[in-house]
Amino acid sequence: MGGMIVPHTTTAPASPRTPRTVRKAVVPAAGLGTRFLPATKATPKEMLPVVDKPAIQYVVEEAAAAGLDDVLMITGRHKRAIEDHFDNAFELEQALAAKGDSVRLDAVRDPARLADIHHIRQGDPLGLGHAVLCARHHVGDQPFAVLLGDDLIDPRETLLRRMLEVRDRREGSVIALMEVPPEQIHLYGCAAVEPSGEDGVVRVTGLVEKPSCEDAPSNYAVIGRYVLDPAVFGILERTPPGRGGEIQLTDALEELAAGGAVHGVVFDGLRYDTGDKADYLRTVVRLACERPDLGPEFTAWLKQFVAGLTEGGAERKRLAA
């Protein structure tokens, strides 16, 4: 395993050489969500609520907060609910306005006001690399960010902004990395890294998709944030199907890394994985506890509930709702 690279959250000063500001984000959202069946039989997994907002709204809010005001969503069949969520809802807005319910009216309007949002369908489920390739005509020859909907980054973190700053100073592509226990590295893409001379930033020398613990070059996992150079499109176009019979974005980044054009930002902040059932539940509980309007009452109930747990599960006694 490679040595630990200490994450660093302080923003480095911007270089006078800023080749191009990234303004576009791509959000792949075409997956079938099979791990959450039957809930995702008719509802996109990206629309599952995290407290009172769908998971994908947190992702778009993160992109907008980082200054990315053009968002392309790569969707698929039966994903119409995503498009509707980020559109205006005239009848609902009218009804809320007539009631004078300005709080809920703003909540309904907010998704459509976050950014200039576009949608395109990934016709065939050929993997993340293919989904990114679907964005080629929209992105053109500009660098762009990719945010995966399963990974939620706490809104108090500045990971994406830091990645954009690294891209402006170093060019090439930038990926987000997180140190994970060695026994978990098989769940992620894994990066071989070397120091870059900057705290919290590494040079990525190689990438492997979901390696065994024995074959992993490090315990630095690739998490769902990327800032990509448009050169990735030409590589994806000729990348054959890899692991799982899908076109893997990791394989294309491996080729870019071999040319020295990929850096990684090491992240040790708050990240929530809503693609896993247990992590999804933990995410909902944690974010609910932190809400000023829900936290005090919910936390009090949660303490009472936890106090009643036994080794075999919860005691069968009624708690006040």
Protein backbone atom coordinates (compact mmCIF):
# COMPACT_ATOMS: atom_id res chain seq x y z
CA MET A 1 0.00 0.00 0.00
CA GLY A 2 1.16 3.54 -0.67
CA GLY A 3 2.00 5.92 2.15
CA MET A 4 -0.66 8.17 3.54
CA ILE A 5 -1.09 11.57 1.89
CA VAL A 6 -2.38 14.06 4.43
CA PRO A 7 -5.57 15.79 3.19
CA HIS A 8 -5.49 19.55 3.20
CA THR A 9 -8.58 21.73 3.05
CA THR A 10 -6.99 25.18 2.84
CA THR A 11 -7.46 26.68 -0.57
CA ALA A 12 -4.20 27.32 -2.38
CA PRO A 13 -3.75 30.74 -4.00
CA ALA A 14 -4.89 30.85 -7.58
CA SER A 15 -2.21 31.00 -10.24
CA PRO A 16 -2.31 33.86 -12.76
CA ARG A 17 -2.44 31.13 -15.43
CA THR A 18 -6.11 30.15 -15.56
CA PRO A 19 -6.62 28.40 -18.90
CA ARG A 20 -10.37 28.03 -18.73
CA THR A 21 -13.01 28.26 -16.05
CA VAL A 22 -15.17 25.17 -15.68
CA ARG A 23 -18.85 26.06 -15.89
CA LYS A 24 -20.56 22.80 -16.86
CA ALA A 25 -21.45 19.79 -14.72
CA VAL A 26 -22.61 16.35 -15.84
CA VAL A 27 -24.72 14.22 -13.49
CA PRO A 28 -25.10 10.58 -14.62
CA ALA A 29 -28.50 9.34 -13.44
CA ALA A 30 -29.40 6.48 -15.73
CA GLY A 31 -28.79 3.54 -13.40
CA LEU A 32 -31.50 1.01 -12.64
CA GLY A 33 -31.14 1.24 -8.87
CA THR A 34 -31.43 -2.52 -8.43
CA ARG A 35 -30.03 -2.44 -4.88
CA PHE A 36 -33.17 -0.57 -3.77
CA LEU A 37 -35.82 -2.73 -5.42
CA PRO A 38 -38.78 -2.77 -5.17
CA ALA A 39 -38.74 0.94 -4.22
CA THR A 40 -36.99 1.78 -7.49
CA LYS A 41 -39.29 -0.28 -9.71
CA ALA A 42 -41.20 2.88 -10.70
CA THR A 43 -39.25 5.60 -8.86
CA PRO A 44 -35.73 6.63 -9.91
CA LYS A 45 -33.24 5.84 -7.16
CA GLU A 46 -31.99 9.43 -7.46
CA MET A 47 -35.44 10.60 -6.36
CA LEU A 48 -35.46 8.65 -3.10
CA PRO A 49 -35.91 11.24 -0.32
CA VAL A 50 -33.07 12.18 1.99
CA VAL A 51 -35.20 13.74 4.74
CA ASP A 52 -37.40 15.95 2.50
CA LYS A 53 -35.32 16.42 -0.67
CA PRO A 54 -34.44 13.83 -3.29
CA ALA A 55 -30.80 12.78 -3.25
CA ILE A 56 -30.11 14.25 -6.68
CA GLN A 57 -31.12 17.74 -5.52
CA TYR A 58 -28.25 17.75 -3.01
CA VAL A 59 -25.88 16.99 -5.91
CA VAL A 60 -27.20 19.80 -8.08
CA GLU A 61 -27.03 22.20 -5.13
CA GLU A 62 -23.38 21.26 -4.67
CA ALA A 63 -22.62 21.96 -8.32
CA ALA A 64 -24.41 25.31 -8.21
CA ALA A 65 -22.62 26.32 -4.98
CA ALA A 66 -19.29 25.69 -6.74
CA GLY A 67 -20.26 28.05 -9.57
CA LEU A 68 -21.34 25.42 -12.11
CA ASP A 69 -24.45 26.99 -13.58
CA ASP A 70 -24.95 24.59 -16.52
CA VAL A 71 -25.96 21.07 -15.48
CA LEU A 72 -26.57 18.18 -17.86
CA MET A 73 -28.34 15.13 -16.44
CA ILE A 74 -27.80 11.81 -18.19
CA THR A 75 -31.02 9.91 -17.60
CA GLY A 76 -32.69 6.81 -18.97
CA ARG A 77 -36.10 5.24 -19.45
CA HIS A 78 -38.55 5.72 -16.58
CA LYS A 79 -36.58 8.71 -15.25
CA ARG A 80 -39.17 11.33 -16.13
CA ALA A 81 -39.64 12.17 -12.44
CA ILE A 82 -36.14 13.71 -12.39
CA GLU A 83 -37.00 16.05 -15.24
CA ASP A 84 -40.29 16.99 -13.59
CA HIS A 85 -38.60 17.73 -10.27
CA PHE A 86 -36.29 20.31 -11.84
CA ASP A 87 -39.08 21.91 -13.85
CA ASN A 88 -41.74 24.42 -12.82
CA ALA A 89 -44.94 22.97 -11.34
CA PHE A 90 -47.49 25.61 -12.29
CA GLU A 91 -50.60 24.14 -10.65
CA LEU A 92 -48.83 23.30 -7.40
CA GLU A 93 -47.16 26.70 -7.25
CA GLN A 94 -50.49 28.40 -7.89
CA ALA A 95 -52.16 26.43 -5.11
CA LEU A 96 -49.40 27.24 -2.61
CA ALA A 97 -49.42 30.90 -3.59
CA ALA A 98 -53.19 31.06 -3.09
CA LYS A 99 -52.73 29.68 0.43
CA GLY A 100 -49.98 32.18 1.16
CA ASP A 101 -47.60 29.28 1.93
CA SER A 102 -44.39 31.04 0.94
CA VAL A 103 -42.07 28.52 2.64
CA ARG A 104 -43.33 25.53 0.67
CA LEU A 105 -43.67 27.66 -2.46
CA ASP A 106 -39.97 28.52 -2.32
CA ALA A 107 -39.11 24.88 -1.67
CA VAL A 108 -41.04 23.84 -4.78
CA ARG A 109 -39.49 26.56 -6.93
CA ASP A 110 -35.90 26.13 -5.74
CA PRO A 111 -34.92 23.08 -7.84
CA ALA A 112 -35.72 24.85 -11.12
CA ARG A 113 -33.76 27.93 -10.04
CA LEU A 114 -30.53 26.17 -9.09
CA ALA A 115 -28.95 26.18 -12.56
CA ASP A 116 -29.61 25.94 -16.27
CA ILE A 117 -30.56 22.25 -16.30
CA HIS A 118 -30.59 20.02 -19.37
CA HIS A 119 -31.47 16.36 -19.85
CA ILE A 120 -30.34 13.69 -22.29
CA ARG A 121 -31.03 9.95 -22.27
CA GLN A 122 -28.42 7.23 -22.24
CA GLY A 123 -30.05 4.84 -24.68
CA ASP A 124 -28.10 1.76 -23.63
CA PRO A 125 -26.92 0.92 -20.08
CA LEU A 126 -23.27 0.61 -21.06
CA GLY A 127 -21.65 1.99 -17.94
CA LEU A 128 -20.39 5.23 -16.44
CA GLY A 129 -17.86 5.80 -19.20
CA HIS A 130 -20.58 5.59 -21.83
CA ALA A 131 -22.81 7.92 -19.80
CA VAL A 132 -20.03 10.52 -19.71
CA LEU A 133 -19.50 10.07 -23.45
CA CYS A 134 -23.17 10.94 -23.98
CA ALA A 135 -22.34 14.45 -22.74
CA ARG A 136 -19.81 15.09 -25.51
CA HIS A 137 -21.94 17.30 -27.74
CA HIS A 138 -23.22 19.36 -24.83
CA VAL A 139 -19.79 19.86 -23.26
CA GLY A 140 -17.81 20.37 -26.46
CA ASP A 141 -14.12 21.14 -25.99
CA GLN A 142 -14.49 22.53 -22.48
CA PRO A 143 -13.36 20.94 -19.21
CA PHE A 144 -16.32 19.81 -17.14
CA ALA A 145 -17.23 18.32 -13.77
CA VAL A 146 -18.91 14.95 -13.21
CA LEU A 147 -20.89 14.41 -10.01
CA LEU A 148 -22.28 10.97 -9.23
CA GLY A 149 -25.70 10.97 -7.64
CA ASP A 150 -24.92 8.21 -5.13
CA ASP A 151 -22.21 10.28 -3.45
CA LEU A 152 -23.43 13.20 -1.36
CA ILE A 153 -20.78 15.59 -0.05
CA ASP A 154 -21.77 17.56 3.03
CA PRO A 155 -22.67 21.13 1.93
CA ARG A 156 -20.19 22.53 4.46
CA GLU A 157 -17.32 20.89 2.57
CA THR A 158 -15.46 22.59 -0.30
CA LEU A 159 -14.21 19.52 -2.16
CA LEU A 160 -15.57 20.44 -5.59
CA ARG A 161 -14.31 24.02 -5.38
CA ARG A 162 -10.87 22.76 -4.44
CA MET A 163 -10.87 20.37 -7.40
CA LEU A 164 -11.83 23.19 -9.77
CA GLU A 165 -8.98 25.33 -8.42
CA VAL A 166 -6.50 22.48 -8.90
CA ARG A 167 -7.72 22.03 -12.48
CA ASP A 168 -7.25 25.74 -13.20
CA ARG A 169 -3.67 25.67 -11.91
CA ARG A 170 -2.52 22.28 -13.16
CA GLU A 171 -4.79 21.61 -16.16
CA GLY A 172 -5.52 18.00 -17.07
CA SER A 173 -8.11 16.04 -15.09
CA VAL A 174 -8.70 15.98 -11.33
CA ILE A 175 -10.35 13.19 -9.36
CA ALA A 176 -11.48 12.98 -5.74
CA LEU A 177 -9.78 10.37 -3.57
CA MET A 178 -10.58 9.09 -0.10
CA GLU A 179 -8.56 6.73 2.06
CA VAL A 180 -10.57 3.60 2.88
CA PRO A 181 -9.76 0.47 4.91
CA PRO A 182 -7.86 -2.03 2.72
CA GLU A 183 -10.66 -4.58 3.02
CA GLN A 184 -13.06 -2.13 1.35
CA ILE A 185 -10.92 -1.13 -1.64
CA HIS A 186 -12.53 -3.82 -3.84
CA LEU A 187 -15.71 -1.71 -3.81
CA TYR A 188 -14.05 1.25 -5.56
CA GLY A 189 -11.78 2.35 -8.32
CA CYS A 190 -8.29 2.54 -6.81
CA ALA A 191 -5.51 5.02 -7.59
CA ALA A 192 -1.76 4.59 -7.59
CA VAL A 193 -0.38 7.92 -6.43
CA GLU A 194 2.80 9.88 -5.77
CA PRO A 195 3.32 13.22 -4.00
CA SER A 196 2.80 16.38 -6.03
CA GLY A 197 4.51 18.83 -3.70
CA GLU A 198 1.17 20.30 -2.61
CA ASP A 199 -0.66 19.29 0.56
CA GLY A 200 -3.71 17.19 -0.16
CA VAL A 201 -2.96 16.91 -3.89
CA VAL A 202 -1.31 13.88 -5.50
CA ARG A 203 -0.24 12.83 -8.96
CA VAL A 204 -2.22 9.84 -10.12
CA THR A 205 0.06 7.38 -11.92
CA GLY A 206 -2.41 4.57 -12.43
CA LEU A 207 -5.98 3.42 -11.79
CA VAL A 208 -7.56 0.02 -11.28
CA GLU A 209 -11.29 -0.65 -11.18
CA LYS A 210 -12.35 -2.57 -8.04
CA PRO A 211 -9.13 -4.50 -7.40
CA SER A 212 -8.70 -7.18 -4.78
CA CYS A 213 -6.99 -6.11 -1.58
CA GLU A 214 -3.86 -7.97 -2.69
CA ASP A 215 -3.73 -6.27 -6.11
CA ALA A 216 -4.62 -2.74 -5.00
CA PRO A 217 -1.78 -0.25 -5.52
CA SER A 218 -2.95 1.82 -2.51
CA ASN A 219 -5.98 2.29 -0.29
CA TYR A 220 -6.96 5.53 -2.02
CA ALA A 221 -10.44 5.06 -3.46
CA VAL A 222 -11.93 7.13 -6.25
CA ILE A 223 -15.16 8.74 -5.07
CA GLY A 224 -17.86 10.30 -7.20
CA ARG A 225 -16.39 13.69 -8.08
CA TYR A 226 -14.34 14.37 -11.22
CA VAL A 227 -13.16 17.42 -13.14
CA LEU A 228 -12.33 16.11 -16.58
CA ASP A 229 -10.38 17.41 -19.52
CA PRO A 230 -12.32 17.04 -22.81
CA ALA A 231 -9.53 14.75 -24.05
CA VAL A 232 -11.34 12.01 -22.12
CA PHE A 233 -14.02 11.85 -24.83
CA GLY A 234 -11.63 10.65 -27.53
CA ILE A 235 -10.37 7.92 -25.22
CA LEU A 236 -13.86 6.83 -24.14
CA GLU A 237 -14.87 6.57 -27.78
CA ARG A 238 -12.33 3.78 -28.33
CA THR A 239 -12.40 2.23 -24.84
CA PRO A 240 -13.68 -1.37 -25.04
CA PRO A 241 -16.05 -2.74 -22.42
CA GLY A 242 -14.17 -3.61 -19.25
CA ARG A 243 -15.24 -4.91 -15.85
CA GLY A 244 -18.89 -6.02 -15.87
CA GLY A 245 -19.07 -5.65 -19.66
CA GLU A 246 -19.38 -1.87 -19.29
CA ILE A 247 -17.32 1.03 -20.59
CA GLN A 248 -15.46 2.12 -17.47
CA LEU A 249 -14.51 5.74 -16.88
CA THR A 250 -11.63 4.39 -14.77
CA ASP A 251 -10.10 2.75 -17.85
CA ALA A 252 -10.07 6.04 -19.76
CA LEU A 253 -8.59 7.90 -16.80
CA GLU A 254 -5.90 5.20 -16.55
CA GLU A 255 -4.73 6.17 -20.04
CA LEU A 256 -4.74 9.87 -19.15
CA ALA A 257 -2.84 9.13 -15.93
CA ALA A 258 -0.15 7.28 -17.87
CA GLY A 259 0.54 10.58 -19.64
CA GLY A 260 0.81 12.48 -16.35
CA ALA A 261 -2.44 14.38 -16.89
CA VAL A 262 -4.40 13.33 -13.79
CA HIS A 263 -4.19 14.69 -10.25
CA GLY A 264 -6.13 13.67 -7.19
CA VAL A 265 -7.50 15.75 -4.32
CA VAL A 266 -7.49 13.73 -1.10
CA PHE A 267 -10.70 14.23 0.85
CA ASP A 268 -11.31 13.38 4.49
CA GLY A 269 -14.53 15.31 5.05
CA LEU A 270 -18.16 14.26 5.39
CA ARG A 271 -19.43 12.06 2.57
CA TYR A 272 -22.68 10.11 2.42
CA ASP A 273 -23.14 7.05 0.20
CA THR A 274 -26.82 6.82 -0.69
CA GLY A 275 -26.25 3.92 -3.08
CA ASP A 276 -26.08 1.44 -0.19
CA LYS A 277 -29.12 0.68 1.97
CA ALA A 278 -27.37 0.90 5.34
CA ASP A 279 -25.46 4.06 4.38
CA TYR A 280 -28.64 5.57 2.97
CA LEU A 281 -30.37 5.09 6.33
CA ARG A 282 -27.37 6.55 8.18
CA THR A 283 -27.44 9.54 5.84
CA VAL A 284 -31.11 10.25 6.52
CA VAL A 285 -30.64 9.96 10.29
CA ARG A 286 -27.55 12.14 10.38
CA LEU A 287 -28.96 14.92 8.22
CA ALA A 288 -32.28 14.84 10.10
CA CYS A 289 -30.43 15.21 13.42
CA GLU A 290 -28.61 18.27 12.09
CA ARG A 291 -31.77 20.04 10.93
CA PRO A 292 -32.75 22.85 13.32
CA ASP A 293 -36.44 22.26 12.59
CA LEU A 294 -36.28 18.48 13.08
CA GLY A 295 -33.14 17.73 15.03
CA PRO A 296 -34.14 18.42 18.66
CA GLU A 297 -37.37 16.42 18.55
CA PHE A 298 -35.97 13.64 16.37
CA THR A 299 -32.77 13.29 18.41
CA ALA A 300 -34.77 13.01 21.63
CA TRP A 301 -36.89 10.23 20.10
CA LEU A 302 -33.78 8.53 18.68
CA LYS A 303 -32.09 8.45 22.10
CA GLN A 304 -35.20 6.86 23.58
CA PHE A 305 -35.35 4.35 20.74
CA VAL A 306 -31.67 3.40 21.02
CA ALA A 307 -32.00 3.02 24.79
CA GLY A 308 -34.69 0.40 24.17
CA LEU A 309 -32.61 -1.66 21.75
CA THR A 310 -31.69 -5.19 22.74
CA GLU A 311 -29.22 -7.59 21.18
CA GLY A 312 -32.01 -9.10 19.12
CA GLY A 313 -33.36 -5.76 17.90
CA ALA A 314 -35.77 -3.13 19.18
CA GLU A 315 -38.05 -3.86 22.06
CA ARG A 316 -41.64 -4.19 21.02
CA LYS A 317 -42.96 -1.26 22.92
CA ARG A 318 -44.76 1.72 21.51
CA LEU A 319 -42.79 4.97 21.34
CA ALA A 320 -44.50 8.27 20.82
CA ALA A 321 -44.30 9.24 17.18
